[in-house]
N, C-alpha and C. Protein backbone atom coordinates (compact mmCIF):
# COMPACT_ATOMS: atom_id res chain seq x y z
N MET A 1 0.84 -1.18 0.00
CA MET A 1 0.00 0.00 0.00
C MET A 1 0.89 1.24 0.00
N THR A 2 0.46 2.24 -0.74
CA THR A 2 1.25 3.46 -0.83
C THR A 2 0.85 4.46 0.24
N ASP A 3 1.82 5.26 0.65
CA ASP A 3 1.62 6.35 1.61
C ASP A 3 2.06 7.63 0.91
N ILE A 4 1.14 8.23 0.19
CA ILE A 4 1.47 9.38 -0.64
C ILE A 4 1.98 10.54 0.21
N GLN A 5 1.31 10.86 1.29
CA GLN A 5 1.77 11.97 2.14
C GLN A 5 3.13 11.66 2.75
N GLY A 6 3.36 10.41 3.11
CA GLY A 6 4.67 10.01 3.62
C GLY A 6 5.75 10.17 2.57
N LEU A 7 5.42 9.81 1.33
CA LEU A 7 6.37 9.99 0.24
C LEU A 7 6.71 11.46 0.06
N ILE A 8 5.70 12.31 0.00
CA ILE A 8 5.91 13.74 -0.18
C ILE A 8 6.78 14.29 0.95
N SER A 9 6.51 13.87 2.17
CA SER A 9 7.30 14.33 3.32
C SER A 9 8.74 13.86 3.26
N SER A 10 8.96 12.71 2.63
CA SER A 10 10.30 12.13 2.55
C SER A 10 11.12 12.62 1.37
N LEU A 11 10.47 13.27 0.41
CA LEU A 11 11.21 13.82 -0.73
C LEU A 11 12.09 14.97 -0.26
N ARG A 12 13.27 15.05 -0.81
CA ARG A 12 14.12 16.21 -0.53
C ARG A 12 13.39 17.45 -1.05
N PRO A 13 13.50 18.57 -0.36
CA PRO A 13 12.81 19.79 -0.82
C PRO A 13 13.14 20.14 -2.27
N GLU A 14 14.38 19.96 -2.66
CA GLU A 14 14.75 20.29 -4.04
C GLU A 14 14.11 19.34 -5.05
N ASP A 15 13.92 18.06 -4.66
CA ASP A 15 13.27 17.11 -5.55
C ASP A 15 11.78 17.42 -5.70
N LEU A 16 11.14 17.77 -4.59
CA LEU A 16 9.73 18.17 -4.64
C LEU A 16 9.57 19.42 -5.50
N ALA A 17 10.49 20.37 -5.35
CA ALA A 17 10.43 21.59 -6.16
C ALA A 17 10.56 21.28 -7.64
N VAL A 18 11.45 20.36 -8.00
CA VAL A 18 11.62 19.99 -9.41
C VAL A 18 10.35 19.33 -9.94
N LEU A 19 9.77 18.43 -9.16
CA LEU A 19 8.52 17.78 -9.58
C LEU A 19 7.45 18.83 -9.84
N GLN A 20 7.33 19.79 -8.93
CA GLN A 20 6.31 20.82 -9.08
C GLN A 20 6.61 21.75 -10.25
N GLU A 21 7.86 22.06 -10.48
CA GLU A 21 8.23 22.92 -11.61
C GLU A 21 7.91 22.26 -12.95
N ARG A 22 8.12 20.96 -13.04
CA ARG A 22 7.93 20.24 -14.30
C ARG A 22 6.46 19.98 -14.62
N GLY A 23 5.60 20.13 -13.65
CA GLY A 23 4.17 20.03 -13.90
C GLY A 23 3.60 18.63 -13.77
N PRO A 24 2.26 18.56 -13.72
CA PRO A 24 1.58 17.29 -13.44
C PRO A 24 1.70 16.23 -14.53
N GLY A 25 1.90 16.60 -15.78
CA GLY A 25 1.94 15.61 -16.85
C GLY A 25 3.34 15.18 -17.24
N GLN A 26 4.30 15.48 -16.40
CA GLN A 26 5.70 15.25 -16.75
C GLN A 26 6.06 13.79 -16.97
N LEU A 27 7.03 13.61 -17.81
CA LEU A 27 7.67 12.31 -18.00
C LEU A 27 8.79 12.25 -16.97
N LEU A 28 8.80 11.20 -16.16
CA LEU A 28 9.81 11.08 -15.11
C LEU A 28 11.10 10.51 -15.68
N GLY A 29 12.15 11.28 -15.56
CA GLY A 29 13.46 10.82 -15.98
C GLY A 29 14.12 10.01 -14.88
N PRO A 30 15.28 9.46 -15.17
CA PRO A 30 15.99 8.66 -14.17
C PRO A 30 16.25 9.40 -12.87
N ASP A 31 16.50 10.72 -12.94
CA ASP A 31 16.74 11.50 -11.73
C ASP A 31 15.53 11.52 -10.82
N MET A 32 14.35 11.71 -11.39
CA MET A 32 13.13 11.75 -10.57
C MET A 32 12.72 10.35 -10.11
N LEU A 33 12.93 9.35 -10.94
CA LEU A 33 12.66 7.97 -10.50
C LEU A 33 13.53 7.64 -9.29
N ASP A 34 14.80 8.01 -9.35
CA ASP A 34 15.71 7.78 -8.22
C ASP A 34 15.25 8.54 -6.97
N ALA A 35 14.83 9.79 -7.16
CA ALA A 35 14.37 10.59 -6.03
C ALA A 35 13.13 9.98 -5.37
N ILE A 36 12.20 9.51 -6.19
CA ILE A 36 10.98 8.90 -5.66
C ILE A 36 11.31 7.58 -4.98
N ASP A 37 12.16 6.77 -5.60
CA ASP A 37 12.57 5.51 -4.98
C ASP A 37 13.25 5.76 -3.64
N ARG A 38 14.15 6.74 -3.59
CA ARG A 38 14.88 7.07 -2.36
C ARG A 38 13.89 7.48 -1.26
N ALA A 39 12.92 8.33 -1.62
CA ALA A 39 11.93 8.79 -0.64
C ALA A 39 11.03 7.66 -0.17
N ALA A 40 10.83 6.66 -1.02
CA ALA A 40 9.96 5.53 -0.68
C ALA A 40 10.69 4.43 0.07
N GLY A 41 12.01 4.54 0.20
CA GLY A 41 12.73 3.56 1.00
C GLY A 41 13.90 2.87 0.33
N GLY A 42 14.16 3.15 -0.93
CA GLY A 42 15.33 2.56 -1.57
C GLY A 42 15.05 2.18 -3.01
N PRO A 43 16.05 1.60 -3.66
CA PRO A 43 15.92 1.26 -5.08
C PRO A 43 14.67 0.42 -5.39
N GLY A 44 13.88 0.90 -6.34
CA GLY A 44 12.68 0.20 -6.77
C GLY A 44 11.47 0.35 -5.86
N GLU A 45 11.63 0.98 -4.71
CA GLU A 45 10.53 1.08 -3.75
C GLU A 45 9.45 2.08 -4.16
N GLY A 46 9.75 2.95 -5.10
CA GLY A 46 8.78 3.95 -5.52
C GLY A 46 7.83 3.49 -6.60
N ARG A 47 7.96 2.23 -7.02
CA ARG A 47 7.13 1.74 -8.13
C ARG A 47 5.64 1.88 -7.90
N GLY A 48 5.19 1.97 -6.70
CA GLY A 48 3.77 2.15 -6.44
C GLY A 48 3.29 3.58 -6.66
N TYR A 49 4.22 4.49 -6.88
CA TYR A 49 3.87 5.90 -7.02
C TYR A 49 3.91 6.39 -8.46
N TYR A 50 4.52 5.61 -9.34
CA TYR A 50 4.57 5.97 -10.75
C TYR A 50 4.16 4.78 -11.61
N ILE A 51 3.74 5.07 -12.81
CA ILE A 51 3.24 4.05 -13.72
C ILE A 51 3.88 4.22 -15.10
N VAL A 52 3.78 3.17 -15.89
CA VAL A 52 4.24 3.23 -17.29
C VAL A 52 3.03 3.55 -18.14
N ARG A 53 3.20 4.54 -19.00
CA ARG A 53 2.17 4.85 -20.00
C ARG A 53 2.77 4.52 -21.36
N GLY A 54 2.04 3.80 -22.14
CA GLY A 54 2.54 3.40 -23.44
C GLY A 54 3.11 1.99 -23.39
N SER A 55 4.00 1.72 -24.29
CA SER A 55 4.56 0.39 -24.45
C SER A 55 5.50 0.01 -23.31
N LEU A 56 5.44 -1.26 -22.94
CA LEU A 56 6.35 -1.77 -21.91
C LEU A 56 7.68 -2.22 -22.50
N VAL A 57 7.71 -2.43 -23.80
CA VAL A 57 8.94 -2.87 -24.45
C VAL A 57 9.28 -1.93 -25.59
N PRO A 58 10.51 -1.65 -25.86
CA PRO A 58 11.68 -2.10 -25.12
C PRO A 58 11.82 -1.37 -23.78
N LEU A 59 12.47 -2.00 -22.86
CA LEU A 59 12.62 -1.48 -21.49
C LEU A 59 13.17 -0.06 -21.47
N GLU A 60 14.18 0.21 -22.27
CA GLU A 60 14.82 1.53 -22.25
C GLU A 60 13.94 2.64 -22.80
N ARG A 61 12.82 2.31 -23.41
CA ARG A 61 11.92 3.34 -23.95
C ARG A 61 10.64 3.50 -23.13
N ARG A 62 10.58 2.85 -21.99
CA ARG A 62 9.40 3.01 -21.13
C ARG A 62 9.26 4.46 -20.70
N GLN A 63 8.02 4.91 -20.63
CA GLN A 63 7.74 6.28 -20.20
C GLN A 63 7.01 6.22 -18.85
N TYR A 64 7.68 6.71 -17.83
CA TYR A 64 7.14 6.69 -16.47
C TYR A 64 6.50 8.03 -16.14
N HIS A 65 5.32 7.95 -15.51
CA HIS A 65 4.57 9.13 -15.09
C HIS A 65 4.07 8.90 -13.67
N LEU A 66 3.86 9.99 -12.94
CA LEU A 66 3.27 9.87 -11.61
C LEU A 66 1.83 9.38 -11.73
N ARG A 67 1.40 8.58 -10.76
CA ARG A 67 -0.01 8.18 -10.71
C ARG A 67 -0.86 9.42 -10.50
N ASP A 68 -2.10 9.37 -10.95
CA ASP A 68 -3.00 10.52 -10.84
C ASP A 68 -3.21 10.96 -9.39
N ASP A 69 -3.32 10.02 -8.46
CA ASP A 69 -3.53 10.41 -7.06
C ASP A 69 -2.27 11.03 -6.46
N VAL A 70 -1.10 10.63 -6.94
CA VAL A 70 0.15 11.24 -6.48
C VAL A 70 0.25 12.66 -7.04
N VAL A 71 -0.12 12.84 -8.30
CA VAL A 71 -0.14 14.17 -8.92
C VAL A 71 -1.07 15.08 -8.12
N ALA A 72 -2.26 14.60 -7.79
CA ALA A 72 -3.23 15.41 -7.05
C ALA A 72 -2.65 15.86 -5.71
N ALA A 73 -1.94 14.97 -5.03
CA ALA A 73 -1.36 15.32 -3.73
C ALA A 73 -0.19 16.29 -3.87
N ILE A 74 0.66 16.07 -4.84
CA ILE A 74 1.84 16.93 -5.03
C ILE A 74 1.43 18.34 -5.46
N PHE A 75 0.37 18.42 -6.24
CA PHE A 75 -0.06 19.72 -6.74
C PHE A 75 -1.24 20.30 -5.97
N ALA A 76 -1.54 19.75 -4.81
CA ALA A 76 -2.58 20.31 -3.95
C ALA A 76 -2.11 21.68 -3.44
N PRO A 77 -3.02 22.63 -3.29
CA PRO A 77 -2.63 23.97 -2.85
C PRO A 77 -1.79 23.97 -1.58
N SER A 78 -2.09 23.11 -0.61
CA SER A 78 -1.33 23.11 0.64
C SER A 78 0.10 22.63 0.42
N THR A 79 0.30 21.69 -0.50
CA THR A 79 1.65 21.21 -0.79
C THR A 79 2.45 22.29 -1.50
N LEU A 80 1.81 22.98 -2.42
CA LEU A 80 2.49 24.06 -3.14
C LEU A 80 2.87 25.18 -2.19
N GLU A 81 2.00 25.52 -1.25
CA GLU A 81 2.30 26.56 -0.27
C GLU A 81 3.46 26.14 0.62
N GLY A 82 3.47 24.88 1.02
CA GLY A 82 4.55 24.37 1.87
C GLY A 82 5.89 24.42 1.17
N ALA A 83 5.90 24.07 -0.11
CA ALA A 83 7.14 24.11 -0.88
C ALA A 83 7.63 25.55 -1.04
N ALA A 84 6.71 26.47 -1.25
CA ALA A 84 7.09 27.88 -1.39
C ALA A 84 7.63 28.41 -0.07
N GLY A 85 7.05 27.97 1.02
CA GLY A 85 7.50 28.41 2.34
C GLY A 85 8.88 27.88 2.71
N ALA A 86 9.26 26.73 2.13
CA ALA A 86 10.56 26.15 2.42
C ALA A 86 11.69 27.00 1.86
N ASP A 87 11.40 27.77 0.80
CA ASP A 87 12.42 28.61 0.19
C ASP A 87 12.62 29.92 0.94
N ALA A 88 11.65 30.30 1.76
CA ALA A 88 11.71 31.59 2.43
C ALA A 88 12.69 31.61 3.59
């Protein structure tokens, strides 16, 4: 089971800021996959927070995106305000 608020709390502030800057429909690159995995507990642990859209093969061309409920939480007004406050 996923803990979306726990994941958000565990993300480094700079990683959360990058996610928010790139927007809700972003394609997750290796840097963001690593950040999500790290926040979720280690390599591969973030798989419950992102999904593949499109073809599963070949492996190197998979396109990873945040799940819709994760997007909703990351881009919720309170999360955005908290991230802005972290910079102050």
